[in-house]
């Protein structure tokens, strides 16, 4: 089964976690420091690979059956994201949802790399409100 790095609503405790249909957690980890991290319309996070200026992003790796990936998880992703392969902190590879290239919508992007995780960004928004 493929491993997928999740860093948004499908993580444990998130509103989309049920889409994983009980898929086991393999690791809580970070990406290699090769990505910028964005809020897409303040609705979901997105990774974007960069040659310079990247940082590690926190997330969870799950072992997801292909049919769950095909039938449940991917159909729930917004059109601004696409499935890709990333490098994790330990040098291994994993599937992940990346910011679609070229960027195809007019949805507002906010660079949230400095927060390091979707949860930290969302918490900072609550505190600012």
N, C-alpha and C. Protein backbone atom coordinates (compact mmCIF):
# COMPACT_ATOMS: atom_id res chain seq x y z
N UNK A 1 0.84 -1.18 0.00
CA UNK A 1 0.00 0.00 0.00
C UNK A 1 0.89 1.24 0.00
N UNK A 2 0.45 2.31 -0.64
CA UNK A 2 1.29 3.51 -0.71
C UNK A 2 1.26 4.29 0.60
N UNK A 3 2.38 4.90 0.87
CA UNK A 3 2.46 5.81 2.01
C UNK A 3 2.11 7.21 1.52
N UNK A 4 1.33 7.93 2.31
CA UNK A 4 0.99 9.31 1.95
C UNK A 4 1.20 10.21 3.16
N UNK A 5 1.89 11.31 2.92
CA UNK A 5 2.14 12.34 3.93
C UNK A 5 0.95 13.29 3.91
N UNK A 6 0.32 13.45 5.06
CA UNK A 6 -0.83 14.34 5.18
C UNK A 6 -0.49 15.46 6.15
N UNK A 7 -0.91 16.68 5.82
CA UNK A 7 -0.57 17.81 6.67
C UNK A 7 -1.73 18.78 6.86
N UNK A 8 -2.96 18.28 6.65
CA UNK A 8 -4.13 19.14 6.80
C UNK A 8 -5.27 18.43 7.50
N UNK A 9 -6.46 18.58 6.97
CA UNK A 9 -7.67 18.09 7.61
C UNK A 9 -7.79 16.59 7.73
N UNK A 10 -6.99 15.81 7.01
CA UNK A 10 -7.06 14.35 7.11
C UNK A 10 -6.14 13.79 8.20
N UNK A 11 -5.39 14.66 8.87
CA UNK A 11 -4.56 14.19 9.98
C UNK A 11 -5.44 13.75 11.14
N UNK A 12 -4.85 13.01 12.06
CA UNK A 12 -5.60 12.55 13.24
C UNK A 12 -6.28 13.74 13.92
N UNK A 13 -7.56 13.57 14.23
CA UNK A 13 -8.32 14.62 14.89
C UNK A 13 -8.91 15.64 13.93
N UNK A 14 -8.56 15.56 12.66
CA UNK A 14 -9.05 16.53 11.67
C UNK A 14 -10.41 16.13 11.11
N UNK A 15 -11.10 17.10 10.51
CA UNK A 15 -12.45 16.86 10.02
C UNK A 15 -12.52 15.88 8.84
N UNK A 16 -11.40 15.61 8.19
CA UNK A 16 -11.39 14.69 7.04
C UNK A 16 -10.70 13.37 7.35
N UNK A 17 -10.31 13.17 8.60
CA UNK A 17 -9.58 11.94 8.96
C UNK A 17 -10.40 10.69 8.66
N UNK A 18 -11.71 10.78 8.78
CA UNK A 18 -12.56 9.61 8.52
C UNK A 18 -12.41 9.09 7.09
N UNK A 19 -11.95 9.92 6.17
CA UNK A 19 -11.76 9.49 4.78
C UNK A 19 -10.67 8.43 4.63
N UNK A 20 -9.81 8.31 5.63
CA UNK A 20 -8.73 7.32 5.58
C UNK A 20 -9.23 5.91 5.87
N UNK A 21 -10.47 5.80 6.31
CA UNK A 21 -11.12 4.49 6.51
C UNK A 21 -10.27 3.56 7.38
N UNK A 22 -9.70 4.12 8.46
CA UNK A 22 -8.93 3.30 9.41
C UNK A 22 -7.52 2.98 8.98
N UNK A 23 -7.00 3.63 7.94
CA UNK A 23 -5.62 3.39 7.51
C UNK A 23 -4.66 3.67 8.65
N UNK A 24 -3.65 2.81 8.83
CA UNK A 24 -2.75 2.98 9.98
C UNK A 24 -1.76 4.13 9.82
N UNK A 25 -1.52 4.81 10.94
CA UNK A 25 -0.48 5.83 11.03
C UNK A 25 0.87 5.12 11.03
N UNK A 26 1.78 5.57 10.18
CA UNK A 26 3.12 4.99 10.10
C UNK A 26 4.11 5.85 10.89
N UNK A 27 3.97 7.17 10.77
CA UNK A 27 4.93 8.06 11.43
C UNK A 27 4.36 9.47 11.53
N UNK A 28 4.78 10.16 12.56
CA UNK A 28 4.60 11.61 12.67
C UNK A 28 5.98 12.17 12.36
N UNK A 29 6.08 13.03 11.35
CA UNK A 29 7.40 13.45 10.88
C UNK A 29 7.30 14.82 10.21
N UNK A 30 8.38 15.21 9.57
CA UNK A 30 8.40 16.43 8.78
C UNK A 30 8.93 16.11 7.38
N UNK A 31 8.69 17.05 6.48
CA UNK A 31 9.29 16.94 5.17
C UNK A 31 10.78 17.30 5.28
N UNK A 32 11.52 17.00 4.24
CA UNK A 32 12.86 17.56 4.10
C UNK A 32 12.67 19.08 3.95
N UNK A 33 13.69 19.88 4.23
CA UNK A 33 13.54 21.34 4.14
C UNK A 33 13.60 21.85 2.70
N UNK A 34 12.74 21.29 1.85
CA UNK A 34 12.75 21.61 0.42
C UNK A 34 11.42 22.16 -0.06
N UNK A 35 10.58 22.64 0.88
CA UNK A 35 9.22 23.04 0.52
C UNK A 35 8.84 24.37 1.15
N UNK A 36 8.01 25.12 0.42
CA UNK A 36 7.29 26.25 1.00
C UNK A 36 5.91 25.71 1.30
N UNK A 37 5.24 26.33 2.26
CA UNK A 37 3.95 25.84 2.75
C UNK A 37 2.94 26.96 2.62
N UNK A 38 1.80 26.68 2.01
CA UNK A 38 0.80 27.71 1.73
C UNK A 38 -0.57 27.35 2.28
N UNK A 39 -1.31 28.38 2.64
CA UNK A 39 -2.73 28.26 2.91
C UNK A 39 -3.43 28.60 1.60
N UNK A 40 -4.28 27.69 1.14
CA UNK A 40 -5.00 27.87 -0.12
C UNK A 40 -6.41 28.36 0.22
N UNK A 41 -6.63 29.64 0.00
CA UNK A 41 -7.94 30.22 0.29
C UNK A 41 -8.35 30.08 1.75
N UNK A 42 -7.38 29.89 2.61
CA UNK A 42 -7.60 29.67 4.05
C UNK A 42 -8.49 28.45 4.33
N UNK A 43 -8.51 27.52 3.35
CA UNK A 43 -9.31 26.30 3.48
C UNK A 43 -8.48 25.04 3.66
N UNK A 44 -7.30 25.01 3.06
CA UNK A 44 -6.45 23.82 3.15
C UNK A 44 -4.99 24.21 2.94
N UNK A 45 -4.06 23.36 3.37
CA UNK A 45 -2.65 23.64 3.16
C UNK A 45 -2.14 23.02 1.86
N UNK A 46 -1.02 23.52 1.38
CA UNK A 46 -0.39 22.96 0.19
C UNK A 46 1.12 23.11 0.29
N UNK A 47 1.81 22.06 -0.09
CA UNK A 47 3.27 22.08 -0.20
C UNK A 47 3.65 22.49 -1.61
N UNK A 48 4.76 23.21 -1.73
CA UNK A 48 5.30 23.57 -3.03
C UNK A 48 6.81 23.40 -2.98
N UNK A 49 7.36 22.51 -3.82
CA UNK A 49 8.81 22.31 -3.81
C UNK A 49 9.55 23.55 -4.30
N UNK A 50 10.68 23.83 -3.68
CA UNK A 50 11.51 24.97 -4.06
C UNK A 50 12.98 24.55 -4.09
N UNK A 51 13.77 25.24 -4.90
CA UNK A 51 15.20 24.96 -4.97
C UNK A 51 15.94 25.57 -3.78
N UNK A 52 15.44 26.72 -3.29
CA UNK A 52 16.08 27.42 -2.17
C UNK A 52 15.00 28.02 -1.28
N UNK A 53 15.28 28.14 0.00
CA UNK A 53 14.37 28.81 0.92
C UNK A 53 13.27 27.95 1.48
N UNK A 54 13.40 26.64 1.38
CA UNK A 54 12.39 25.76 1.94
C UNK A 54 12.61 25.51 3.42
N UNK A 55 11.60 24.94 4.05
CA UNK A 55 11.65 24.60 5.47
C UNK A 55 10.93 23.28 5.68
N UNK A 56 11.23 22.59 6.78
CA UNK A 56 10.47 21.37 7.07
C UNK A 56 9.03 21.70 7.44
N UNK A 57 8.12 20.83 7.06
CA UNK A 57 6.70 20.98 7.36
C UNK A 57 6.25 19.74 8.09
N UNK A 58 5.54 19.94 9.19
CA UNK A 58 5.08 18.83 10.03
C UNK A 58 3.86 18.14 9.41
N UNK A 59 3.79 16.83 9.58
CA UNK A 59 2.64 16.07 9.11
C UNK A 59 2.68 14.64 9.62
N UNK A 60 1.79 13.83 9.06
CA UNK A 60 1.67 12.42 9.44
C UNK A 60 1.68 11.56 8.18
N UNK A 61 2.33 10.41 8.28
CA UNK A 61 2.40 9.47 7.17
C UNK A 61 1.48 8.30 7.48
N UNK A 62 0.60 7.99 6.52
CA UNK A 62 -0.34 6.88 6.67
C UNK A 62 -0.12 5.87 5.55
N UNK A 63 -0.42 4.61 5.86
CA UNK A 63 -0.38 3.51 4.91
C UNK A 63 -1.80 3.32 4.39
N UNK A 64 -2.07 3.83 3.20
CA UNK A 64 -3.44 3.92 2.68
C UNK A 64 -3.64 2.95 1.52
N UNK A 65 -4.66 2.10 1.58
CA UNK A 65 -4.95 1.24 0.43
C UNK A 65 -5.27 2.08 -0.81
N UNK A 66 -4.88 1.57 -1.96
CA UNK A 66 -5.10 2.30 -3.21
C UNK A 66 -6.57 2.62 -3.44
N UNK A 67 -7.47 1.72 -3.11
CA UNK A 67 -8.88 2.01 -3.34
C UNK A 67 -9.39 3.12 -2.44
N UNK A 68 -8.87 3.23 -1.22
CA UNK A 68 -9.24 4.33 -0.33
C UNK A 68 -8.68 5.64 -0.87
N UNK A 69 -7.45 5.59 -1.36
CA UNK A 69 -6.84 6.78 -1.96
C UNK A 69 -7.67 7.23 -3.17
N UNK A 70 -8.01 6.29 -4.03
CA UNK A 70 -8.75 6.59 -5.26
C UNK A 70 -10.18 7.04 -5.01
N UNK A 71 -10.89 6.32 -4.12
CA UNK A 71 -12.33 6.53 -3.96
C UNK A 71 -12.73 7.52 -2.89
N UNK A 72 -11.86 7.75 -1.90
CA UNK A 72 -12.27 8.59 -0.77
C UNK A 72 -11.41 9.82 -0.60
N UNK A 73 -10.09 9.62 -0.54
CA UNK A 73 -9.20 10.74 -0.21
C UNK A 73 -9.03 11.71 -1.37
N UNK A 74 -8.63 11.22 -2.54
CA UNK A 74 -8.37 12.13 -3.67
C UNK A 74 -9.61 12.89 -4.13
N UNK A 75 -10.79 12.28 -4.19
CA UNK A 75 -11.97 13.07 -4.61
C UNK A 75 -12.31 14.23 -3.66
N UNK A 76 -11.84 14.17 -2.42
CA UNK A 76 -12.12 15.23 -1.44
C UNK A 76 -11.12 16.39 -1.53
N UNK A 77 -10.08 16.23 -2.32
CA UNK A 77 -9.06 17.28 -2.42
C UNK A 77 -9.54 18.40 -3.35
N UNK A 78 -9.19 19.64 -3.03
CA UNK A 78 -9.59 20.77 -3.89
C UNK A 78 -8.81 20.77 -5.20
N UNK A 79 -9.33 21.45 -6.23
CA UNK A 79 -8.67 21.46 -7.54
C UNK A 79 -7.30 22.15 -7.54
N UNK A 80 -7.01 22.93 -6.52
CA UNK A 80 -5.70 23.61 -6.46
C UNK A 80 -4.56 22.66 -6.10
N UNK A 81 -4.90 21.43 -5.69
CA UNK A 81 -3.89 20.47 -5.28
C UNK A 81 -3.81 19.31 -6.27
N UNK A 82 -2.62 18.70 -6.31
CA UNK A 82 -2.41 17.51 -7.13
C UNK A 82 -1.52 16.53 -6.37
N UNK A 83 -1.66 15.27 -6.70
CA UNK A 83 -0.87 14.23 -6.06
C UNK A 83 0.55 14.27 -6.60
N UNK A 84 1.52 14.20 -5.70
CA UNK A 84 2.92 14.19 -6.09
C UNK A 84 3.73 13.37 -5.12
N UNK A 85 5.02 13.39 -5.29
CA UNK A 85 5.95 12.65 -4.42
C UNK A 85 6.88 13.66 -3.77
N UNK A 86 7.03 13.53 -2.45
CA UNK A 86 7.90 14.44 -1.70
C UNK A 86 9.01 13.67 -1.01
N UNK A 87 9.97 14.42 -0.49
CA UNK A 87 11.04 13.86 0.33
C UNK A 87 10.75 14.16 1.79
N UNK A 88 10.83 13.12 2.61
CA UNK A 88 10.65 13.29 4.06
C UNK A 88 11.98 13.59 4.73
N UNK A 89 11.93 13.97 6.00
CA UNK A 89 13.14 14.36 6.74
C UNK A 89 14.20 13.27 6.75
N UNK A 90 13.78 12.00 6.74
CA UNK A 90 14.75 10.90 6.77
C UNK A 90 15.29 10.53 5.39
N UNK A 91 14.90 11.28 4.36
CA UNK A 91 15.37 11.02 3.01
C UNK A 91 14.48 10.08 2.20
N UNK A 92 13.50 9.48 2.83
CA UNK A 92 12.59 8.59 2.10
C UNK A 92 11.56 9.40 1.33
N UNK A 93 10.86 8.73 0.44
CA UNK A 93 9.85 9.37 -0.39
C UNK A 93 8.46 8.98 0.06
N UNK A 94 7.50 9.86 -0.22
CA UNK A 94 6.10 9.61 0.13
C UNK A 94 5.22 10.37 -0.84
N UNK A 95 4.03 9.85 -1.08
CA UNK A 95 3.03 10.63 -1.78
C UNK A 95 2.61 11.79 -0.90
N UNK A 96 2.12 12.85 -1.50
CA UNK A 96 1.60 14.01 -0.77
C UNK A 96 0.79 14.85 -1.74
N UNK A 97 -0.02 15.73 -1.19
CA UNK A 97 -0.77 16.67 -2.02
C UNK A 97 0.06 17.95 -2.14
N UNK A 98 0.33 18.34 -3.40
CA UNK A 98 1.15 19.50 -3.69
C UNK A 98 0.31 20.57 -4.36
N UNK A 99 0.77 21.80 -4.25
CA UNK A 99 0.14 22.90 -4.96
C UNK A 99 0.26 22.61 -6.45
N UNK A 100 -0.87 22.64 -7.16
CA UNK A 100 -0.89 22.33 -8.59
C UNK A 100 0.01 23.31 -9.36
N UNK A 101 0.79 22.77 -10.30
CA UNK A 101 1.66 23.58 -11.14
C UNK A 101 1.25 23.41 -12.58
N UNK A 102 1.09 24.43 -13.36
CA UNK A 102 1.07 25.81 -12.89
C UNK A 102 -0.20 26.07 -12.08
N UNK A 103 -0.12 27.08 -11.24
CA UNK A 103 -1.26 27.43 -10.39
C UNK A 103 -2.43 27.77 -11.30
N UNK A 104 -3.56 27.06 -11.13
CA UNK A 104 -4.65 27.14 -12.10
C UNK A 104 -5.88 27.89 -11.62
N UNK A 105 -5.89 28.37 -10.41
CA UNK A 105 -7.08 29.08 -9.95
C UNK A 105 -6.69 30.46 -9.43
N UNK A 106 -7.69 31.21 -9.08
CA UNK A 106 -7.45 32.55 -8.54
C UNK A 106 -7.60 32.57 -7.03
N UNK A 107 -7.56 31.41 -6.43
CA UNK A 107 -7.66 31.31 -4.97
C UNK A 107 -6.45 31.98 -4.34
N UNK A 108 -6.70 32.72 -3.28
CA UNK A 108 -5.62 33.43 -2.58
C UNK A 108 -4.68 32.45 -1.88
N UNK A 109 -3.39 32.64 -2.09
CA UNK A 109 -2.37 31.85 -1.42
C UNK A 109 -1.68 32.71 -0.37
N UNK A 110 -1.51 32.14 0.82
CA UNK A 110 -0.78 32.82 1.89
C UNK A 110 0.39 31.93 2.24
N UNK A 111 1.60 32.47 2.20
CA UNK A 111 2.78 31.70 2.58
C UNK A 111 2.78 31.54 4.10
N UNK A 112 2.64 30.31 4.56
CA UNK A 112 2.59 30.02 6.00
C UNK A 112 3.77 29.15 6.42
N UNK A 113 4.83 29.15 5.62
CA UNK A 113 5.99 28.31 5.89
C UNK A 113 6.53 28.52 7.29
N UNK A 114 6.55 29.77 7.76
CA UNK A 114 7.12 30.06 9.08
C UNK A 114 6.38 29.35 10.21
N UNK A 115 5.14 28.96 10.00
CA UNK A 115 4.37 28.27 11.04
C UNK A 115 4.75 26.79 11.15
N UNK A 116 5.20 26.17 10.06
CA UNK A 116 5.68 24.80 10.10
C UNK A 116 4.61 23.73 10.14
N UNK A 117 3.36 24.09 10.39
CA UNK A 117 2.28 23.11 10.38
C UNK A 117 0.96 23.82 10.16
N UNK A 118 -0.01 23.10 9.64
CA UNK A 118 -1.35 23.63 9.42
C UNK A 118 -1.99 23.98 10.76
N UNK A 119 -1.82 23.10 11.76
CA UNK A 119 -2.41 23.37 13.07
C UNK A 119 -1.85 24.64 13.69
N UNK A 120 -0.54 24.85 13.59
CA UNK A 120 0.06 26.06 14.15
C UNK A 120 -0.46 27.30 13.43
N UNK A 121 -0.61 27.22 12.13
CA UNK A 121 -1.16 28.35 11.38
C UNK A 121 -2.60 28.63 11.81
N UNK A 122 -3.43 27.60 11.88
CA UNK A 122 -4.83 27.77 12.26
C UNK A 122 -4.95 28.35 13.68
N UNK A 123 -4.08 27.90 14.57
CA UNK A 123 -4.09 28.42 15.94
C UNK A 123 -3.72 29.90 15.96
N UNK A 124 -2.76 30.30 15.14
CA UNK A 124 -2.36 31.71 15.08
C UNK A 124 -3.50 32.56 14.55
N UNK A 125 -4.31 32.03 13.66
CA UNK A 125 -5.48 32.76 13.13
C UNK A 125 -6.53 32.96 14.22
N UNK A 126 -6.72 31.93 15.06
CA UNK A 126 -7.69 32.02 16.16
C UNK A 126 -7.24 33.06 17.16
N UNK A 127 -5.94 33.05 17.48
CA UNK A 127 -5.42 33.99 18.47
C UNK A 127 -5.49 35.43 17.97
N UNK A 128 -5.34 35.61 16.65
CA UNK A 128 -5.39 36.97 16.07
C UNK A 128 -6.82 37.51 15.99
N UNK A 129 -7.80 36.61 16.02
CA UNK A 129 -9.20 37.04 15.88
C UNK A 129 -9.76 37.62 17.16
